[in-house]
C-alpha cells in the first residue's frame, strides 16, 4: 500500500494519497490546498485517482478538490449530512481570511458501512459525527483515516455549526474500539495509534 501525507495550506492540514502498489489505483483524501503538490505526488507514483474522499466539508479539507477533480476526473465523495458544511466552505474560508475556489457539487455520497475499493485495497466507511454532522473515517488495511475526529492527544473542536460534543464522545468511543495497533492518520498533526490514544488522549477523561 502506498500512503503519502502532504501537509498543505495555512492551517497545516493533512492530505493523503493512498494507492494500491499493484494496480496503481488511488484515492485522494481531504485535498485541502496546494493542488500542484498533490498532483505531483500522484504523478510521481504513477497513480490513477478514482475518487476524492472528503472526511468532512470544512474548507481546509476540501479547498483543492475542484482542481484535483479537474486534473484527474475523479469523483468527489462525502457524507450527505455534511452537505450544509460543504456548501458553506467558501463563506467559512472568507470568515477566516482565506479564499477557496468555487466547489463542484459532490458526485456521490457514502454512509455508514459502505466499502470504498482502491484496487485490491478496501476501506470501510465509519460515520463519526461530532466535529461536523457528516464526518467520516475510513478504516481498513491496518489504518484509520480519521479526519478531524481524533488527533494525537486530542480531538476535533465542536463549536462550529453542526458540531456536537455528545456525538463526538460516541464517535471517539467507536474509534477506541478498533485494534490497538491500528495506525491513525488524522486531519492535522502527526500519526499515532489507537493504543497510544487509549492511554495518552486527554479526551478519554471526558467520557
C-alpha atoms as a PDB file:
ATOM      1  CA  UNK A   1       0.000   0.000   0.000  1.00  0.00           C
ATOM      2  CA  UNK A   2       1.207   3.466  -0.915  1.00  0.00           C
ATOM      3  CA  UNK A   3       0.483   6.177   1.678  1.00  0.00           C
ATOM      4  CA  UNK A   4       1.652   9.712   1.058  1.00  0.00           C
ATOM      5  CA  UNK A   5       0.903  12.522   3.501  1.00  0.00           C
ATOM      6  CA  UNK A   6       1.145  16.135   2.398  1.00  0.00           C
ATOM      7  CA  UNK A   7       0.835  18.962   4.907  1.00  0.00           C
ATOM      8  CA  UNK A   8      -0.921  21.705   2.969  1.00  0.00           C
ATOM      9  CA  UNK A   9      -2.269  25.198   3.397  1.00  0.00           C
ATOM     10  CA  UNK A  10      -2.032  27.774   6.173  1.00  0.00           C
ATOM     11  CA  UNK A  11      -3.855  25.507   8.655  1.00  0.00           C
ATOM     12  CA  UNK A  12      -1.354  22.685   8.017  1.00  0.00           C
ATOM     13  CA  UNK A  13      -3.995  20.158   7.026  1.00  0.00           C
ATOM     14  CA  UNK A  14      -3.028  16.595   6.172  1.00  0.00           C
ATOM     15  CA  UNK A  15      -3.935  15.474   2.657  1.00  0.00           C
ATOM     16  CA  UNK A  16      -3.475  11.769   1.971  1.00  0.00           C
ATOM     17  CA  UNK A  17      -2.820   9.974  -1.296  1.00  0.00           C
ATOM     18  CA  UNK A  18      -3.465   6.260  -0.795  1.00  0.00           C
ATOM     19  CA  UNK A  19      -2.845   3.778  -3.582  1.00  0.00           C
ATOM     20  CA  UNK A  20      -2.579   0.109  -4.408  1.00  0.00           C
ATOM     21  CA  UNK A  21       1.014  -0.699  -5.357  1.00  0.00           C
ATOM     22  CA  UNK A  22      -0.121  -3.428  -7.766  1.00  0.00           C
ATOM     23  CA  UNK A  23      -2.972  -1.813  -9.695  1.00  0.00           C
ATOM     24  CA  UNK A  24      -1.852   1.815  -9.183  1.00  0.00           C
ATOM     25  CA  UNK A  25      -5.445   2.765  -8.380  1.00  0.00           C
ATOM     26  CA  UNK A  26      -5.631   5.530  -5.787  1.00  0.00           C
ATOM     27  CA  UNK A  27      -7.799   7.896  -3.787  1.00  0.00           C
ATOM     28  CA  UNK A  28      -7.049  11.384  -2.543  1.00  0.00           C
ATOM     29  CA  UNK A  29      -8.426  12.117   0.918  1.00  0.00           C
ATOM     30  CA  UNK A  30      -9.101  15.697   2.024  1.00  0.00           C
ATOM     31  CA  UNK A  31      -7.325  17.750  -0.664  1.00  0.00           C
ATOM     32  CA  UNK A  32      -7.235  20.939   1.368  1.00  0.00           C
ATOM     33  CA  UNK A  33      -4.853  23.148  -0.615  1.00  0.00           C
ATOM     34  CA  UNK A  34      -1.826  23.179  -2.927  1.00  0.00           C
ATOM     35  CA  UNK A  35      -3.252  21.028  -5.733  1.00  0.00           C
ATOM     36  CA  UNK A  36       0.010  21.138  -7.706  1.00  0.00           C
ATOM     37  CA  UNK A  37       1.844  19.397  -4.854  1.00  0.00           C
ATOM     38  CA  UNK A  38      -0.902  16.805  -4.580  1.00  0.00           C
ATOM     39  CA  UNK A  39      -0.812  16.061  -8.293  1.00  0.00           C
ATOM     40  CA  UNK A  40       2.988  15.913  -8.297  1.00  0.00           C
ATOM     41  CA  UNK A  41       2.765  13.155  -5.681  1.00  0.00           C
ATOM     42  CA  UNK A  42       0.101  11.328  -7.677  1.00  0.00           C
ATOM     43  CA  UNK A  43       2.104  11.516 -10.897  1.00  0.00           C
ATOM     44  CA  UNK A  44       5.449  10.691  -9.278  1.00  0.00           C
ATOM     45  CA  UNK A  45       3.973   7.394  -8.099  1.00  0.00           C
ATOM     46  CA  UNK A  46       2.232   6.639 -11.406  1.00  0.00           C
ATOM     47  CA  UNK A  47      -1.185   6.573  -9.764  1.00  0.00           C
ATOM     48  CA  UNK A  48      -4.662   6.828 -11.254  1.00  0.00           C
ATOM     49  CA  UNK A  49      -7.060   8.625  -8.905  1.00  0.00           C
ATOM     50  CA  UNK A  50     -10.620   7.326  -8.992  1.00  0.00           C
ATOM     51  CA  UNK A  51     -12.107   9.203  -6.039  1.00  0.00           C
ATOM     52  CA  UNK A  52     -11.632  12.271  -3.882  1.00  0.00           C
ATOM     53  CA  UNK A  53     -12.903  11.433  -0.412  1.00  0.00           C
ATOM     54  CA  UNK A  54     -13.839  14.293   1.911  1.00  0.00           C
ATOM     55  CA  UNK A  55     -13.921  13.243   5.553  1.00  0.00           C
ATOM     56  CA  UNK A  56     -15.967  16.396   6.123  1.00  0.00           C
ATOM     57  CA  UNK A  57     -16.780  19.669   4.419  1.00  0.00           C
ATOM     58  CA  UNK A  58     -14.655  22.261   6.190  1.00  0.00           C
ATOM     59  CA  UNK A  59     -12.750  24.493   3.792  1.00  0.00           C
ATOM     60  CA  UNK A  60      -9.284  23.461   4.926  1.00  0.00           C
ATOM     61  CA  UNK A  61     -10.056  19.862   3.895  1.00  0.00           C
ATOM     62  CA  UNK A  62     -11.683  20.491   0.507  1.00  0.00           C
ATOM     63  CA  UNK A  63     -10.093  23.682  -0.848  1.00  0.00           C
ATOM     64  CA  UNK A  64      -8.232  21.876  -3.652  1.00  0.00           C
ATOM     65  CA  UNK A  65     -10.995  19.408  -4.509  1.00  0.00           C
ATOM     66  CA  UNK A  66     -12.043  21.257  -7.658  1.00  0.00           C
ATOM     67  CA  UNK A  67      -8.503  21.359  -9.067  1.00  0.00           C
ATOM     68  CA  UNK A  68      -7.777  17.716  -8.246  1.00  0.00           C
ATOM     69  CA  UNK A  69     -11.059  16.694  -9.846  1.00  0.00           C
ATOM     70  CA  UNK A  70     -10.217  18.721 -12.938  1.00  0.00           C
ATOM     71  CA  UNK A  71      -6.777  17.099 -13.183  1.00  0.00           C
ATOM     72  CA  UNK A  72      -7.929  13.517 -12.603  1.00  0.00           C
ATOM     73  CA  UNK A  73     -11.619  13.259 -13.480  1.00  0.00           C
ATOM     74  CA  UNK A  74     -12.119  11.609 -10.077  1.00  0.00           C
ATOM     75  CA  UNK A  75     -15.459  11.670  -8.276  1.00  0.00           C
ATOM     76  CA  UNK A  76     -15.890  13.851  -5.205  1.00  0.00           C
ATOM     77  CA  UNK A  77     -17.461  11.826  -2.398  1.00  0.00           C
ATOM     78  CA  UNK A  78     -18.629  12.743   1.099  1.00  0.00           C
ATOM     79  CA  UNK A  79     -21.422  12.004   3.576  1.00  0.00           C
ATOM     80  CA  UNK A  80     -24.740  13.625   2.717  1.00  0.00           C
ATOM     81  CA  UNK A  81     -25.143  15.065   6.215  1.00  0.00           C
ATOM     82  CA  UNK A  82     -22.115  17.279   5.586  1.00  0.00           C
ATOM     83  CA  UNK A  83     -23.551  18.951   2.506  1.00  0.00           C
ATOM     84  CA  UNK A  84     -24.509  22.028   4.529  1.00  0.00           C
ATOM     85  CA  UNK A  85     -20.925  22.388   5.695  1.00  0.00           C
ATOM     86  CA  UNK A  86     -19.570  21.723   2.201  1.00  0.00           C
ATOM     87  CA  UNK A  87     -21.862  24.349   0.658  1.00  0.00           C
ATOM     88  CA  UNK A  88     -20.712  26.962   3.179  1.00  0.00           C
ATOM     89  CA  UNK A  89     -16.988  26.238   2.779  1.00  0.00           C
ATOM     90  CA  UNK A  90     -16.334  29.316   0.633  1.00  0.00           C
ATOM     91  CA  UNK A  91     -18.021  31.602   3.178  1.00  0.00           C
ATOM     92  CA  UNK A  92     -16.273  29.854   6.073  1.00  0.00           C
ATOM     93  CA  UNK A  93     -12.901  30.357   4.401  1.00  0.00           C
ATOM     94  CA  UNK A  94     -13.625  34.066   3.880  1.00  0.00           C
ATOM     95  CA  UNK A  95     -14.555  34.420   7.557  1.00  0.00           C
ATOM     96  CA  UNK A  96     -11.125  33.062   8.482  1.00  0.00           C
ATOM     97  CA  UNK A  97      -9.428  35.358   5.962  1.00  0.00           C
ATOM     98  CA  UNK A  98      -8.781  32.741   3.258  1.00  0.00           C
ATOM     99  CA  UNK A  99     -10.202  32.118  -0.192  1.00  0.00           C
ATOM    100  CA  UNK A 100     -11.470  28.905  -1.756  1.00  0.00           C
ATOM    101  CA  UNK A 101     -12.410  28.395  -5.396  1.00  0.00           C
ATOM    102  CA  UNK A 102     -15.991  27.567  -6.289  1.00  0.00           C
ATOM    103  CA  UNK A 103     -16.552  23.903  -5.446  1.00  0.00           C
ATOM    104  CA  UNK A 104     -18.269  21.429  -7.763  1.00  0.00           C
ATOM    105  CA  UNK A 105     -21.181  19.502  -6.342  1.00  0.00           C
ATOM    106  CA  UNK A 106     -20.250  16.066  -4.992  1.00  0.00           C
ATOM    107  CA  UNK A 107     -20.666  13.183  -7.428  1.00  0.00           C
ATOM    108  CA  UNK A 108     -21.929  10.722  -4.824  1.00  0.00           C
ATOM    109  CA  UNK A 109     -22.445  10.167  -1.130  1.00  0.00           C
ATOM    110  CA  UNK A 110     -21.335   7.475   1.296  1.00  0.00           C
ATOM    111  CA  UNK A 111     -22.902   6.282   4.502  1.00  0.00           C
ATOM    112  CA  UNK A 112     -22.052   4.103   7.475  1.00  0.00           C
ATOM    113  CA  UNK A 113     -20.840   0.650   6.440  1.00  0.00           C
ATOM    114  CA  UNK A 114     -20.086   1.426   2.801  1.00  0.00           C
ATOM    115  CA  UNK A 115     -16.940  -0.077   1.297  1.00  0.00           C
ATOM    116  CA  UNK A 116     -14.512   2.031  -0.698  1.00  0.00           C
ATOM    117  CA  UNK A 117     -12.381  -0.070  -3.022  1.00  0.00           C
ATOM    118  CA  UNK A 118      -8.967   1.112  -4.163  1.00  0.00           C
ATOM    119  CA  UNK A 119      -7.606  -1.574  -6.461  1.00  0.00           C
ATOM    120  CA  UNK A 120      -7.109  -4.555  -4.142  1.00  0.00           C
ATOM    121  CA  UNK A 121      -7.496  -2.402  -1.028  1.00  0.00           C
ATOM    122  CA  UNK A 122     -10.756  -1.918   0.844  1.00  0.00           C
ATOM    123  CA  UNK A 123     -11.809   0.656   3.420  1.00  0.00           C
ATOM    124  CA  UNK A 124     -14.995   0.726   5.484  1.00  0.00           C
ATOM    125  CA  UNK A 125     -16.834   3.997   5.980  1.00  0.00           C
ATOM    126  CA  UNK A 126     -17.489   4.898   9.601  1.00  0.00           C
ATOM    127  CA  UNK A 127     -19.924   7.768  10.149  1.00  0.00           C
ATOM    128  CA  UNK A 128     -18.299   9.694  13.014  1.00  0.00           C
ATOM    129  CA  UNK A 129     -20.239  12.906  13.693  1.00  0.00           C
ATOM    130  CA  UNK A 130     -19.197  15.388  16.343  1.00  0.00           C
ATOM    131  CA  UNK A 131     -16.708  17.698  14.665  1.00  0.00           C
ATOM    132  CA  UNK A 132     -19.326  18.024  11.921  1.00  0.00           C
ATOM    133  CA  UNK A 133     -22.647  16.303  11.248  1.00  0.00           C
ATOM    134  CA  UNK A 134     -21.440  14.168   8.378  1.00  0.00           C
ATOM    135  CA  UNK A 135     -17.866  13.483   9.410  1.00  0.00           C
ATOM    136  CA  UNK A 136     -16.496  10.110   8.361  1.00  0.00           C
ATOM    137  CA  UNK A 137     -13.453   7.942   8.978  1.00  0.00           C
ATOM    138  CA  UNK A 138     -12.082   5.280   6.631  1.00  0.00           C
ATOM    139  CA  UNK A 139     -10.967   2.052   8.287  1.00  0.00           C
ATOM    140  CA  UNK A 140      -9.127  -0.849   6.698  1.00  0.00           C
ATOM    141  CA  UNK A 141      -5.745  -2.313   5.827  1.00  0.00           C
ATOM    142  CA  UNK A 142      -4.480  -1.592   9.340  1.00  0.00           C
ATOM    143  CA  UNK A 143      -5.173   2.145   9.232  1.00  0.00           C
ATOM    144  CA  UNK A 144      -7.945   4.576  10.040  1.00  0.00           C
ATOM    145  CA  UNK A 145      -8.051   7.924   8.262  1.00  0.00           C
ATOM    146  CA  UNK A 146      -9.799   9.940  10.926  1.00  0.00           C
ATOM    147  CA  UNK A 147     -10.297  13.439   9.533  1.00  0.00           C
ATOM    148  CA  UNK A 148     -10.754  15.808  12.457  1.00  0.00           C
ATOM    149  CA  UNK A 149     -12.453  13.287  14.750  1.00  0.00           C
ATOM    150  CA  UNK A 150      -9.263  12.359  16.600  1.00  0.00           C
ATOM    151  CA  UNK A 151      -5.718  13.712  16.658  1.00  0.00           C
ATOM    152  CA  UNK A 152      -2.615  12.675  18.516  1.00  0.00           C
ATOM    153  CA  UNK A 153      -3.565  13.505  22.103  1.00  0.00           C
ATOM    154  CA  UNK A 154      -6.657  15.477  21.172  1.00  0.00           C
ATOM    155  CA  UNK A 155      -9.936  15.647  19.225  1.00  0.00           C
ATOM    156  CA  UNK A 156     -11.646  17.987  16.799  1.00  0.00           C
ATOM    157  CA  UNK A 157     -13.425  21.074  18.062  1.00  0.00           C
ATOM    158  CA  UNK A 158     -17.214  21.070  18.280  1.00  0.00           C
ATOM    159  CA  UNK A 159     -18.031  24.785  18.304  1.00  0.00           C
ATOM    160  CA  UNK A 160     -18.589  25.053  14.553  1.00  0.00           C
ATOM    161  CA  UNK A 161     -22.119  24.746  13.100  1.00  0.00           C
ATOM    162  CA  UNK A 162     -23.080  21.076  13.101  1.00  0.00           C
ATOM    163  CA  UNK A 163     -20.667  20.219  15.901  1.00  0.00           C
ATOM    164  CA  UNK A 164     -21.752  18.213  18.943  1.00  0.00           C
ATOM    165  CA  UNK A 165     -19.670  17.258  21.964  1.00  0.00           C
ATOM    166  CA  UNK A 166     -22.018  14.368  22.784  1.00  0.00           C
ATOM    167  CA  UNK A 167     -21.792  12.919  19.281  1.00  0.00           C
ATOM    168  CA  UNK A 168     -18.037  13.372  19.320  1.00  0.00           C
ATOM    169  CA  UNK A 169     -17.839  11.326  22.513  1.00  0.00           C
ATOM    170  CA  UNK A 170     -19.742   8.496  20.817  1.00  0.00           C
ATOM    171  CA  UNK A 171     -17.532   8.643  17.733  1.00  0.00           C
ATOM    172  CA  UNK A 172     -14.378   8.751  19.853  1.00  0.00           C
ATOM    173  CA  UNK A 173     -15.501   5.654  21.769  1.00  0.00           C
ATOM    174  CA  UNK A 174     -16.074   3.821  18.473  1.00  0.00           C
ATOM    175  CA  UNK A 175     -12.570   4.584  17.300  1.00  0.00           C
ATOM    176  CA  UNK A 176     -11.049   3.375  20.566  1.00  0.00           C
ATOM    177  CA  UNK A 177     -12.739   0.012  19.939  1.00  0.00           C
ATOM    178  CA  UNK A 178     -10.551  -0.558  16.866  1.00  0.00           C
ATOM    179  CA  UNK A 179      -7.471  -2.783  17.276  1.00  0.00           C
ATOM    180  CA  UNK A 180      -4.781  -1.026  19.307  1.00  0.00           C
ATOM    181  CA  UNK A 181      -2.176  -1.386  16.550  1.00  0.00           C
ATOM    182  CA  UNK A 182      -4.373   0.494  14.063  1.00  0.00           C
ATOM    183  CA  UNK A 183      -2.414   3.408  12.624  1.00  0.00           C
ATOM    184  CA  UNK A 184      -4.321   6.696  12.922  1.00  0.00           C
ATOM    185  CA  UNK A 185      -3.893   9.158  10.056  1.00  0.00           C
ATOM    186  CA  UNK A 186      -5.592  12.335  11.219  1.00  0.00           C
ATOM    187  CA  UNK A 187      -6.523  15.593   9.561  1.00  0.00           C
ATOM    188  CA  UNK A 188      -3.874  17.611  11.403  1.00  0.00           C
ATOM    189  CA  UNK A 189      -0.703  16.684  13.221  1.00  0.00           C
ATOM    190  CA  UNK A 190       1.402  13.518  13.308  1.00  0.00           C
ATOM    191  CA  UNK A 191       0.236   9.951  13.000  1.00  0.00           C
ATOM    192  CA  UNK A 192      -0.491   7.879  16.078  1.00  0.00           C
ATOM    193  CA  UNK A 193      -2.117   4.560  17.001  1.00  0.00           C
ATOM    194  CA  UNK A 194      -5.361   3.625  18.690  1.00  0.00           C
ATOM    195  CA  UNK A 195      -3.364   2.042  21.523  1.00  0.00           C
ATOM    196  CA  UNK A 196      -1.464   5.275  22.177  1.00  0.00           C
ATOM    197  CA  UNK A 197      -4.684   7.303  22.185  1.00  0.00           C
ATOM    198  CA  UNK A 198      -6.327   4.972  24.685  1.00  0.00           C
ATOM    199  CA  UNK A 199      -3.702   5.981  27.224  1.00  0.00           C
ATOM    200  CA  UNK A 200      -2.495   9.381  26.029  1.00  0.00           C
ATOM    201  CA  UNK A 201      -5.516  11.268  24.705  1.00  0.00           C
ATOM    202  CA  UNK A 202      -6.933  13.832  27.124  1.00  0.00           C
ATOM    203  CA  UNK A 203     -10.460  13.167  25.808  1.00  0.00           C
ATOM    204  CA  UNK A 204     -10.513   9.724  27.426  1.00  0.00           C
ATOM    205  CA  UNK A 205     -11.101  11.551  30.723  1.00  0.00           C
ATOM    206  CA  UNK A 206     -14.142  13.333  29.252  1.00  0.00           C
ATOM    207  CA  UNK A 207     -16.052  10.127  28.510  1.00  0.00           C
END
